[in-house]
Amino acid sequence: MIPTLAEVCSLNSPFAKDVEDYAAGGCGAVEVWLTKLETHLASHSVEDVQRLVEHHDINLPVASFQGGLLSSQGEERKAHWEHFEQRLQLCRQLNIETMVVACDIADSLSQELLDRVSASLTQAADLSARHNVRIALEFQRQATFGNNLQTAATMVAEAGRANVGICLDAFQFFNGPSKLADLGYLTADNLFHVQLCDIAGVPRELASDSHRIVPGDGDWPIGVLIDHLRSINYRGHVSIELHNPTIWQVPARQFGEIAMSALGQLLESPAT
């Protein structure tokens, strides 16, 4: 497993500073926050980004995240899909292998909705394949459909595309309707990316993204999840992803050093 830091953990820091400071903190792989990268590209070229990451010996394996693809309609759908294709082109140029796609479905359940979601996921897969990019579907705990790992695994299987897999976000997993037994739906083939965090002293009913803390510092059985990743021989990237405004105030280099140390302890610890 490859330790990775998600740029969203340092949301107030600009893209170039993230790369510089995370590298200085011992990080070799960064999960790109697409909006931050797009902001950087407003005043820099793709070639500038390529030189930046090469200079700091940083890999950009995954980008987060694309929403609005699966159930939107009309002009809203057109806008999301145009943005998606622009981002796919960017990922191809920067050799970003995987893009996280959110299963952000809020519509009332109906057969029409399920058919539209299924068709959209297949369409997204085919478009991504033309750009040599994989889709990592992230189930969302508050979605009306696709709010748990079991359903996400079924959606991926029914898509029938080799470039469609699962993004396992610990927050969505532990804080939603998924069960530990659902980890059995994961395989080395269908698991494309893992995002870790923890929560301390907050009931699940009240927990929000802003409560995310460094994994291992909270109440969740993160070790059980890591053990399962080992059992399926998962060799992909494992990132720390924290949407916490308090942590955003920590300088990127300081956060990177702390986060890489925590990831090292988790990924190198013996099986529980």
C-alpha atoms as a PDB file:
ATOM      1  CA  MET A   1       0.000   0.000   0.000  1.00  0.00           C
ATOM      2  CA  ILE A   2       1.256   3.433  -0.969  1.00  0.00           C
ATOM      3  CA  PRO A   3       0.884   6.277   1.573  1.00  0.00           C
ATOM      4  CA  THR A   4      -0.652   9.382   0.014  1.00  0.00           C
ATOM      5  CA  LEU A   5      -1.847  12.788   1.200  1.00  0.00           C
ATOM      6  CA  ALA A   6      -4.986  14.470  -0.112  1.00  0.00           C
ATOM      7  CA  GLU A   7      -4.595  18.166  -0.875  1.00  0.00           C
ATOM      8  CA  VAL A   8      -7.966  18.933   0.674  1.00  0.00           C
ATOM      9  CA  CYS A   9      -6.264  18.449   4.052  1.00  0.00           C
ATOM     10  CA  SER A  10      -4.478  21.768   3.404  1.00  0.00           C
ATOM     11  CA  LEU A  11      -7.297  23.546   1.610  1.00  0.00           C
ATOM     12  CA  ASN A  12      -5.984  27.037   2.408  1.00  0.00           C
ATOM     13  CA  SER A  13      -2.598  26.270   0.891  1.00  0.00           C
ATOM     14  CA  PRO A  14      -2.070  26.772  -2.872  1.00  0.00           C
ATOM     15  CA  PHE A  15      -1.297  23.833  -5.143  1.00  0.00           C
ATOM     16  CA  ALA A  16       2.399  24.568  -5.619  1.00  0.00           C
ATOM     17  CA  LYS A  17       2.917  25.038  -1.876  1.00  0.00           C
ATOM     18  CA  ASP A  18       1.250  21.688  -1.202  1.00  0.00           C
ATOM     19  CA  VAL A  19       3.636  19.929  -3.558  1.00  0.00           C
ATOM     20  CA  GLU A  20       6.681  21.641  -2.060  1.00  0.00           C
ATOM     21  CA  ASP A  21       5.685  21.176   1.584  1.00  0.00           C
ATOM     22  CA  TYR A  22       4.304  17.646   1.311  1.00  0.00           C
ATOM     23  CA  ALA A  23       7.497  16.565  -0.441  1.00  0.00           C
ATOM     24  CA  ALA A  24       9.570  18.179   2.303  1.00  0.00           C
ATOM     25  CA  GLY A  25       7.533  16.218   4.841  1.00  0.00           C
ATOM     26  CA  GLY A  26       8.426  12.891   3.229  1.00  0.00           C
ATOM     27  CA  CYS A  27       5.355  12.440   1.017  1.00  0.00           C
ATOM     28  CA  GLY A  28       5.839  10.963  -2.439  1.00  0.00           C
ATOM     29  CA  ALA A  29       2.226  10.829  -3.667  1.00  0.00           C
ATOM     30  CA  VAL A  30      -0.478  13.507  -3.602  1.00  0.00           C
ATOM     31  CA  GLU A  31      -4.218  13.131  -4.167  1.00  0.00           C
ATOM     32  CA  VAL A  32      -5.026  16.193  -6.240  1.00  0.00           C
ATOM     33  CA  TRP A  33      -7.922  18.427  -5.230  1.00  0.00           C
ATOM     34  CA  LEU A  34      -9.159  19.291  -8.710  1.00  0.00           C
ATOM     35  CA  THR A  35     -10.525  22.755  -7.898  1.00  0.00           C
ATOM     36  CA  LYS A  36      -7.175  23.751  -6.399  1.00  0.00           C
ATOM     37  CA  LEU A  37      -5.288  22.463  -9.437  1.00  0.00           C
ATOM     38  CA  GLU A  38      -7.656  24.330 -11.768  1.00  0.00           C
ATOM     39  CA  THR A  39      -7.050  27.533  -9.807  1.00  0.00           C
ATOM     40  CA  HIS A  40      -3.294  27.022 -10.167  1.00  0.00           C
ATOM     41  CA  LEU A  41      -3.656  26.487 -13.909  1.00  0.00           C
ATOM     42  CA  ALA A  42      -5.364  29.859 -14.282  1.00  0.00           C
ATOM     43  CA  SER A  43      -1.882  31.395 -14.027  1.00  0.00           C
ATOM     44  CA  HIS A  44       0.395  28.460 -14.880  1.00  0.00           C
ATOM     45  CA  SER A  45       0.679  25.954 -17.712  1.00  0.00           C
ATOM     46  CA  VAL A  46       0.339  22.192 -17.573  1.00  0.00           C
ATOM     47  CA  GLU A  47       4.048  22.065 -18.387  1.00  0.00           C
ATOM     48  CA  ASP A  48       4.732  24.189 -15.290  1.00  0.00           C
ATOM     49  CA  VAL A  49       2.875  21.611 -13.188  1.00  0.00           C
ATOM     50  CA  GLN A  50       4.792  18.768 -14.788  1.00  0.00           C
ATOM     51  CA  ARG A  51       8.110  20.464 -13.998  1.00  0.00           C
ATOM     52  CA  LEU A  52       6.967  21.233 -10.441  1.00  0.00           C
ATOM     53  CA  VAL A  53       6.065  17.654  -9.550  1.00  0.00           C
ATOM     54  CA  GLU A  54       9.163  16.269 -11.288  1.00  0.00           C
ATOM     55  CA  HIS A  55      11.397  18.689  -9.372  1.00  0.00           C
ATOM     56  CA  HIS A  56       9.937  17.553  -6.039  1.00  0.00           C
ATOM     57  CA  ASP A  57       9.731  13.883  -7.072  1.00  0.00           C
ATOM     58  CA  ILE A  58       5.977  13.809  -6.413  1.00  0.00           C
ATOM     59  CA  ASN A  59       3.530  11.410  -8.036  1.00  0.00           C
ATOM     60  CA  LEU A  60      -0.084  12.472  -8.765  1.00  0.00           C
ATOM     61  CA  PRO A  61      -1.945   9.141  -8.830  1.00  0.00           C
ATOM     62  CA  VAL A  62      -5.518  10.241  -8.147  1.00  0.00           C
ATOM     63  CA  ALA A  63      -7.719  13.329  -8.400  1.00  0.00           C
ATOM     64  CA  SER A  64     -10.784  14.254  -6.338  1.00  0.00           C
ATOM     65  CA  PHE A  65     -13.538  14.704  -7.106  1.00  0.00           C
ATOM     66  CA  GLN A  66     -16.168  14.890  -9.841  1.00  0.00           C
ATOM     67  CA  GLY A  67     -19.796  15.262  -8.868  1.00  0.00           C
ATOM     68  CA  GLY A  68     -23.079  15.696 -10.670  1.00  0.00           C
ATOM     69  CA  LEU A  69     -22.608  13.005 -13.309  1.00  0.00           C
ATOM     70  CA  LEU A  70     -24.944  10.203 -12.368  1.00  0.00           C
ATOM     71  CA  SER A  71     -28.426  11.638 -11.915  1.00  0.00           C
ATOM     72  CA  SER A  72     -28.398  15.218 -13.223  1.00  0.00           C
ATOM     73  CA  GLN A  73     -30.524  16.194 -16.212  1.00  0.00           C
ATOM     74  CA  GLY A  74     -30.907  19.001 -18.734  1.00  0.00           C
ATOM     75  CA  GLU A  75     -28.589  21.995 -18.663  1.00  0.00           C
ATOM     76  CA  GLU A  76     -27.166  20.986 -15.290  1.00  0.00           C
ATOM     77  CA  ARG A  77     -26.125  17.615 -16.717  1.00  0.00           C
ATOM     78  CA  LYS A  78     -24.563  19.266 -19.768  1.00  0.00           C
ATOM     79  CA  ALA A  79     -22.443  21.556 -17.579  1.00  0.00           C
ATOM     80  CA  HIS A  80     -21.231  18.710 -15.344  1.00  0.00           C
ATOM     81  CA  TRP A  81     -20.306  16.524 -18.278  1.00  0.00           C
ATOM     82  CA  GLU A  82     -18.446  19.289 -20.095  1.00  0.00           C
ATOM     83  CA  HIS A  83     -16.449  19.946 -16.923  1.00  0.00           C
ATOM     84  CA  PHE A  84     -15.836  16.210 -16.520  1.00  0.00           C
ATOM     85  CA  GLU A  85     -14.346  15.910 -20.000  1.00  0.00           C
ATOM     86  CA  GLN A  86     -12.100  18.921 -19.387  1.00  0.00           C
ATOM     87  CA  ARG A  87     -10.862  17.266 -16.213  1.00  0.00           C
ATOM     88  CA  LEU A  88     -10.269  13.969 -17.995  1.00  0.00           C
ATOM     89  CA  GLN A  89      -8.090  15.775 -20.517  1.00  0.00           C
ATOM     90  CA  LEU A  90      -6.167  17.355 -17.643  1.00  0.00           C
ATOM     91  CA  CYS A  91      -5.697  13.988 -15.930  1.00  0.00           C
ATOM     92  CA  ARG A  92      -4.376  12.498 -19.148  1.00  0.00           C
ATOM     93  CA  GLN A  93      -1.891  15.344 -19.582  1.00  0.00           C
ATOM     94  CA  LEU A  94      -0.598  14.955 -16.011  1.00  0.00           C
ATOM     95  CA  ASN A  95      -0.664  11.141 -15.997  1.00  0.00           C
ATOM     96  CA  ILE A  96      -3.257  11.084 -13.209  1.00  0.00           C
ATOM     97  CA  GLU A  97      -4.465   7.512 -13.375  1.00  0.00           C
ATOM     98  CA  THR A  98      -7.671   7.680 -11.313  1.00  0.00           C
ATOM     99  CA  MET A  99     -10.467  10.196 -10.778  1.00  0.00           C
ATOM    100  CA  VAL A 100     -12.861   9.898  -7.841  1.00  0.00           C
ATOM    101  CA  VAL A 101     -16.508  10.222  -8.916  1.00  0.00           C
ATOM    102  CA  ALA A 102     -19.049  10.935  -6.186  1.00  0.00           C
ATOM    103  CA  CYS A 103     -22.253   8.924  -6.018  1.00  0.00           C
ATOM    104  CA  ASP A 104     -24.050  12.141  -5.027  1.00  0.00           C
ATOM    105  CA  ILE A 105     -27.602  11.067  -5.843  1.00  0.00           C
ATOM    106  CA  ALA A 106     -30.292  13.050  -4.057  1.00  0.00           C
ATOM    107  CA  ASP A 107     -33.319  12.276  -6.255  1.00  0.00           C
ATOM    108  CA  SER A 108     -36.267  10.213  -5.049  1.00  0.00           C
ATOM    109  CA  LEU A 109     -35.844   6.539  -5.850  1.00  0.00           C
ATOM    110  CA  SER A 110     -37.550   5.233  -8.962  1.00  0.00           C
ATOM    111  CA  GLN A 111     -36.801   2.757 -11.710  1.00  0.00           C
ATOM    112  CA  GLU A 112     -36.262   5.685 -14.045  1.00  0.00           C
ATOM    113  CA  LEU A 113     -33.584   7.064 -11.703  1.00  0.00           C
ATOM    114  CA  LEU A 114     -31.825   3.698 -11.404  1.00  0.00           C
ATOM    115  CA  ASP A 115     -31.770   3.302 -15.177  1.00  0.00           C
ATOM    116  CA  ARG A 116     -30.391   6.820 -15.603  1.00  0.00           C
ATOM    117  CA  VAL A 117     -27.664   6.247 -13.001  1.00  0.00           C
ATOM    118  CA  SER A 118     -26.645   2.954 -14.585  1.00  0.00           C
ATOM    119  CA  ALA A 119     -26.471   4.468 -18.063  1.00  0.00           C
ATOM    120  CA  SER A 120     -24.538   7.492 -16.782  1.00  0.00           C
ATOM    121  CA  LEU A 121     -21.930   5.369 -15.013  1.00  0.00           C
ATOM    122  CA  THR A 122     -21.369   3.316 -18.163  1.00  0.00           C
ATOM    123  CA  GLN A 123     -21.137   6.479 -20.261  1.00  0.00           C
ATOM    124  CA  ALA A 124     -18.651   8.009 -17.808  1.00  0.00           C
ATOM    125  CA  ALA A 125     -16.562   4.848 -17.939  1.00  0.00           C
ATOM    126  CA  ASP A 126     -16.435   4.838 -21.729  1.00  0.00           C
ATOM    127  CA  LEU A 127     -15.508   8.522 -21.880  1.00  0.00           C
ATOM    128  CA  SER A 128     -12.817   8.032 -19.234  1.00  0.00           C
ATOM    129  CA  ALA A 129     -11.386   5.048 -21.076  1.00  0.00           C
ATOM    130  CA  ARG A 130     -10.788   7.219 -24.131  1.00  0.00           C
ATOM    131  CA  HIS A 131      -8.561   9.377 -21.931  1.00  0.00           C
ATOM    132  CA  ASN A 132      -6.910   6.365 -20.246  1.00  0.00           C
ATOM    133  CA  VAL A 133      -8.350   7.334 -16.844  1.00  0.00           C
ATOM    134  CA  ARG A 134      -9.993   5.073 -14.262  1.00  0.00           C
ATOM    135  CA  ILE A 135     -13.144   5.985 -12.326  1.00  0.00           C
ATOM    136  CA  ALA A 136     -13.236   5.311  -8.587  1.00  0.00           C
ATOM    137  CA  LEU A 137     -16.887   5.463  -7.508  1.00  0.00           C
ATOM    138  CA  GLU A 138     -17.262   6.863  -3.991  1.00  0.00           C
ATOM    139  CA  PHE A 139     -20.490   5.916  -2.233  1.00  0.00           C
ATOM    140  CA  GLN A 140     -21.994   8.761  -0.195  1.00  0.00           C
ATOM    141  CA  ARG A 141     -23.652   8.040   3.142  1.00  0.00           C
ATOM    142  CA  GLN A 142     -26.470  10.562   2.559  1.00  0.00           C
ATOM    143  CA  ALA A 143     -27.262   9.562  -1.027  1.00  0.00           C
ATOM    144  CA  THR A 144     -30.714   8.169  -1.784  1.00  0.00           C
ATOM    145  CA  PHE A 145     -29.003   5.466  -3.844  1.00  0.00           C
ATOM    146  CA  GLY A 146     -25.400   4.311  -3.606  1.00  0.00           C
ATOM    147  CA  ASN A 147     -24.934   5.181   0.062  1.00  0.00           C
ATOM    148  CA  ASN A 148     -23.099   1.991   1.083  1.00  0.00           C
ATOM    149  CA  LEU A 149     -20.277  -0.261   0.009  1.00  0.00           C
ATOM    150  CA  GLN A 150     -22.480  -3.192  -1.024  1.00  0.00           C
ATOM    151  CA  THR A 151     -24.496  -1.089  -3.473  1.00  0.00           C
ATOM    152  CA  ALA A 152     -21.365   0.587  -4.826  1.00  0.00           C
ATOM    153  CA  ALA A 153     -19.801  -2.821  -5.488  1.00  0.00           C
ATOM    154  CA  THR A 154     -22.956  -3.894  -7.317  1.00  0.00           C
ATOM    155  CA  MET A 155     -22.970  -0.715  -9.423  1.00  0.00           C
ATOM    156  CA  VAL A 156     -19.337  -1.285 -10.384  1.00  0.00           C
ATOM    157  CA  ALA A 157     -19.965  -4.930 -11.270  1.00  0.00           C
ATOM    158  CA  GLU A 158     -23.028  -4.086 -13.379  1.00  0.00           C
ATOM    159  CA  ALA A 159     -21.101  -1.373 -15.244  1.00  0.00           C
ATOM    160  CA  GLY A 160     -18.909  -4.167 -16.574  1.00  0.00           C
ATOM    161  CA  ARG A 161     -15.983  -1.880 -17.354  1.00  0.00           C
ATOM    162  CA  ALA A 162     -12.421  -2.643 -16.312  1.00  0.00           C
ATOM    163  CA  ASN A 163     -11.750   1.045 -15.647  1.00  0.00           C
ATOM    164  CA  VAL A 164     -14.574   1.397 -13.083  1.00  0.00           C
ATOM    165  CA  GLY A 165     -13.870   0.559  -9.460  1.00  0.00           C
ATOM    166  CA  ILE A 166     -14.533   1.646  -5.882  1.00  0.00           C
ATOM    167  CA  CYS A 167     -13.179   4.476  -3.757  1.00  0.00           C
ATOM    168  CA  LEU A 168     -13.399   3.388  -0.131  1.00  0.00           C
ATOM    169  CA  ASP A 169     -13.735   6.505   2.033  1.00  0.00           C
ATOM    170  CA  ALA A 170     -13.533   5.619   5.734  1.00  0.00           C
ATOM    171  CA  PHE A 171     -15.872   8.488   6.635  1.00  0.00           C
ATOM    172  CA  GLN A 172     -18.591   7.298   4.254  1.00  0.00           C
ATOM    173  CA  PHE A 173     -18.044   3.698   5.365  1.00  0.00           C
ATOM    174  CA  PHE A 174     -17.984   3.968   9.160  1.00  0.00           C
ATOM    175  CA  ASN A 175     -20.420   6.883   9.374  1.00  0.00           C
ATOM    176  CA  GLY A 176     -23.046   5.469   7.017  1.00  0.00           C
ATOM    177  CA  PRO A 177     -25.172   2.326   6.619  1.00  0.00           C
ATOM    178  CA  SER A 178     -22.300   0.075   5.501  1.00  0.00           C
ATOM    179  CA  LYS A 179     -21.348  -2.879   7.713  1.00  0.00           C
ATOM    180  CA  LEU A 180     -17.946  -4.396   8.441  1.00  0.00           C
ATOM    181  CA  ALA A 181     -19.151  -7.516   6.622  1.00  0.00           C
ATOM    182  CA  ASP A 182     -19.477  -5.396   3.460  1.00  0.00           C
ATOM    183  CA  LEU A 183     -15.679  -5.294   3.258  1.00  0.00           C
ATOM    184  CA  GLY A 184     -16.055  -8.765   1.753  1.00  0.00           C
ATOM    185  CA  TYR A 185     -17.264  -7.106  -1.465  1.00  0.00           C
ATOM    186  CA  LEU A 186     -13.825  -5.570  -1.991  1.00  0.00           C
ATOM    187  CA  THR A 187     -11.206  -7.243  -4.150  1.00  0.00           C
ATOM    188  CA  ALA A 188      -7.808  -6.241  -5.433  1.00  0.00           C
ATOM    189  CA  ASP A 189      -9.469  -5.759  -8.824  1.00  0.00           C
ATOM    190  CA  ASN A 190     -12.435  -3.553  -7.895  1.00  0.00           C
ATOM    191  CA  LEU A 191     -10.801  -1.373  -5.204  1.00  0.00           C
ATOM    192  CA  PHE A 192      -9.130   1.591  -6.925  1.00  0.00           C
ATOM    193  CA  HIS A 193      -8.477   3.990  -4.045  1.00  0.00           C
ATOM    194  CA  VAL A 194      -8.732   4.306  -0.245  1.00  0.00           C
ATOM    195  CA  GLN A 195      -9.250   7.485   1.804  1.00  0.00           C
ATOM    196  CA  LEU A 196      -8.726   7.397   5.566  1.00  0.00           C
ATOM    197  CA  CYS A 197      -9.798   9.582   8.454  1.00  0.00           C
ATOM    198  CA  ASP A 198     -11.107   9.096  11.985  1.00  0.00           C
ATOM    199  CA  ILE A 199     -13.698  10.586  14.346  1.00  0.00           C
ATOM    200  CA  ALA A 200     -13.414  11.041  18.114  1.00  0.00           C
ATOM    201  CA  GLY A 201     -16.245  11.427  20.616  1.00  0.00           C
ATOM    202  CA  VAL A 202     -18.962  12.361  18.124  1.00  0.00           C
ATOM    203  CA  PRO A 203     -22.154  10.283  17.630  1.00  0.00           C
ATOM    204  CA  ARG A 204     -22.617   9.122  14.060  1.00  0.00           C
ATOM    205  CA  GLU A 205     -25.864  11.089  13.831  1.00  0.00           C
ATOM    206  CA  LEU A 206     -23.966  14.337  14.486  1.00  0.00           C
ATOM    207  CA  ALA A 207     -20.668  13.644  12.722  1.00  0.00           C
ATOM    208  CA  SER A 208     -19.810  15.780   9.709  1.00  0.00           C
ATOM    209  CA  ASP A 209     -16.819  16.210   7.433  1.00  0.00           C
ATOM    210  CA  SER A 210     -15.520  18.937   9.737  1.00  0.00           C
ATOM    211  CA  HIS A 211     -15.047  16.351  12.517  1.00  0.00           C
ATOM    212  CA  ARG A 212     -12.525  14.331  10.499  1.00  0.00           C
ATOM    213  CA  ILE A 213      -9.164  13.831  12.217  1.00  0.00           C
ATOM    214  CA  VAL A 214      -5.972  11.903  11.495  1.00  0.00           C
ATOM    215  CA  PRO A 215      -6.680   8.147  11.361  1.00  0.00           C
ATOM    216  CA  GLY A 216      -5.634   6.321  14.491  1.00  0.00           C
ATOM    217  CA  ASP A 217      -6.435   9.277  16.758  1.00  0.00           C
ATOM    218  CA  GLY A 218     -10.162   8.529  17.047  1.00  0.00           C
ATOM    219  CA  ASP A 219     -12.713   5.845  17.833  1.00  0.00           C
ATOM    220  CA  TRP A 220     -13.052   3.926  14.579  1.00  0.00           C
ATOM    221  CA  PRO A 221     -11.499   0.455  14.082  1.00  0.00           C
ATOM    222  CA  ILE A 222      -9.177   1.622  11.317  1.00  0.00           C
ATOM    223  CA  GLY A 223      -6.907  -1.352  11.998  1.00  0.00           C
ATOM    224  CA  VAL A 224      -9.672  -3.737  10.960  1.00  0.00           C
ATOM    225  CA  LEU A 225      -9.988  -1.959   7.636  1.00  0.00           C
ATOM    226  CA  ILE A 226      -6.202  -2.035   7.076  1.00  0.00           C
ATOM    227  CA  ASP A 227      -6.137  -5.748   7.927  1.00  0.00           C
ATOM    228  CA  HIS A 228      -8.761  -6.399   5.273  1.00  0.00           C
ATOM    229  CA  LEU A 229      -6.806  -4.440   2.683  1.00  0.00           C
ATOM    230  CA  ARG A 230      -3.846  -6.673   3.437  1.00  0.00           C
ATOM    231  CA  SER A 231      -5.997  -9.781   3.161  1.00  0.00           C
ATOM    232  CA  ILE A 232      -7.053  -8.919  -0.404  1.00  0.00           C
ATOM    233  CA  ASN A 233      -3.488  -7.917  -1.305  1.00  0.00           C
ATOM    234  CA  TYR A 234      -4.432  -4.315  -2.054  1.00  0.00           C
ATOM    235  CA  ARG A 235      -1.344  -2.544  -3.376  1.00  0.00           C
ATOM    236  CA  GLY A 236      -2.840   0.802  -4.349  1.00  0.00           C
ATOM    237  CA  HIS A 237      -2.768   4.260  -2.794  1.00  0.00           C
ATOM    238  CA  VAL A 238      -4.101   4.977   0.695  1.00  0.00           C
ATOM    239  CA  SER A 239      -4.614   8.673   1.394  1.00  0.00           C
ATOM    240  CA  ILE A 240      -5.468  10.727   4.427  1.00  0.00           C
ATOM    241  CA  GLU A 241      -8.422  12.946   3.516  1.00  0.00           C
ATOM    242  CA  LEU A 242      -9.616  15.513   6.051  1.00  0.00           C
ATOM    243  CA  HIS A 243     -12.226  18.222   5.381  1.00  0.00           C
ATOM    244  CA  ASN A 244     -11.552  19.855   8.725  1.00  0.00           C
ATOM    245  CA  PRO A 245     -11.346  23.690   8.904  1.00  0.00           C
ATOM    246  CA  THR A 246      -9.236  23.480  12.061  1.00  0.00           C
ATOM    247  CA  ILE A 247      -6.664  21.291  10.347  1.00  0.00           C
ATOM    248  CA  TRP A 248      -6.699  23.639   7.346  1.00  0.00           C
ATOM    249  CA  GLN A 249      -4.985  26.204   9.606  1.00  0.00           C
ATOM    250  CA  VAL A 250      -1.976  23.908  10.121  1.00  0.00           C
ATOM    251  CA  PRO A 251       0.913  24.695   7.740  1.00  0.00           C
ATOM    252  CA  ALA A 252       1.053  22.143   4.925  1.00  0.00           C
ATOM    253  CA  ARG A 253       4.584  20.978   5.772  1.00  0.00           C
ATOM    254  CA  GLN A 254       3.758  20.444   9.439  1.00  0.00           C
ATOM    255  CA  PHE A 255       0.557  18.611   8.574  1.00  0.00           C
ATOM    256  CA  GLY A 256       2.361  16.495   5.994  1.00  0.00           C
ATOM    257  CA  GLU A 257       4.950  15.335   8.508  1.00  0.00           C
ATOM    258  CA  ILE A 258       2.273  14.422  11.066  1.00  0.00           C
ATOM    259  CA  ALA A 259       0.057  12.689   8.510  1.00  0.00           C
ATOM    260  CA  MET A 260       2.871  10.687   6.917  1.00  0.00           C
ATOM    261  CA  SER A 261       3.963   9.494  10.342  1.00  0.00           C
ATOM    262  CA  ALA A 262       0.412   8.393  11.161  1.00  0.00           C
ATOM    263  CA  LEU A 263       0.043   6.614   7.813  1.00  0.00           C
ATOM    264  CA  GLY A 264       3.371   4.871   8.293  1.00  0.00           C
ATOM    265  CA  GLN A 265       2.299   3.527  11.680  1.00  0.00           C
ATOM    266  CA  LEU A 266      -1.026   2.287  10.328  1.00  0.00           C
ATOM    267  CA  LEU A 267       0.264   0.661   7.180  1.00  0.00           C
ATOM    268  CA  GLU A 268       3.309  -0.909   8.777  1.00  0.00           C
ATOM    269  CA  SER A 269       1.649  -2.093  11.984  1.00  0.00           C
ATOM    270  CA  PRO A 270       1.178  -5.846  12.477  1.00  0.00           C
ATOM    271  CA  ALA A 271      -2.260  -7.359  11.809  1.00  0.00           C
ATOM    272  CA  THR A 272      -4.721  -6.951  14.679  1.00  0.00           C
END
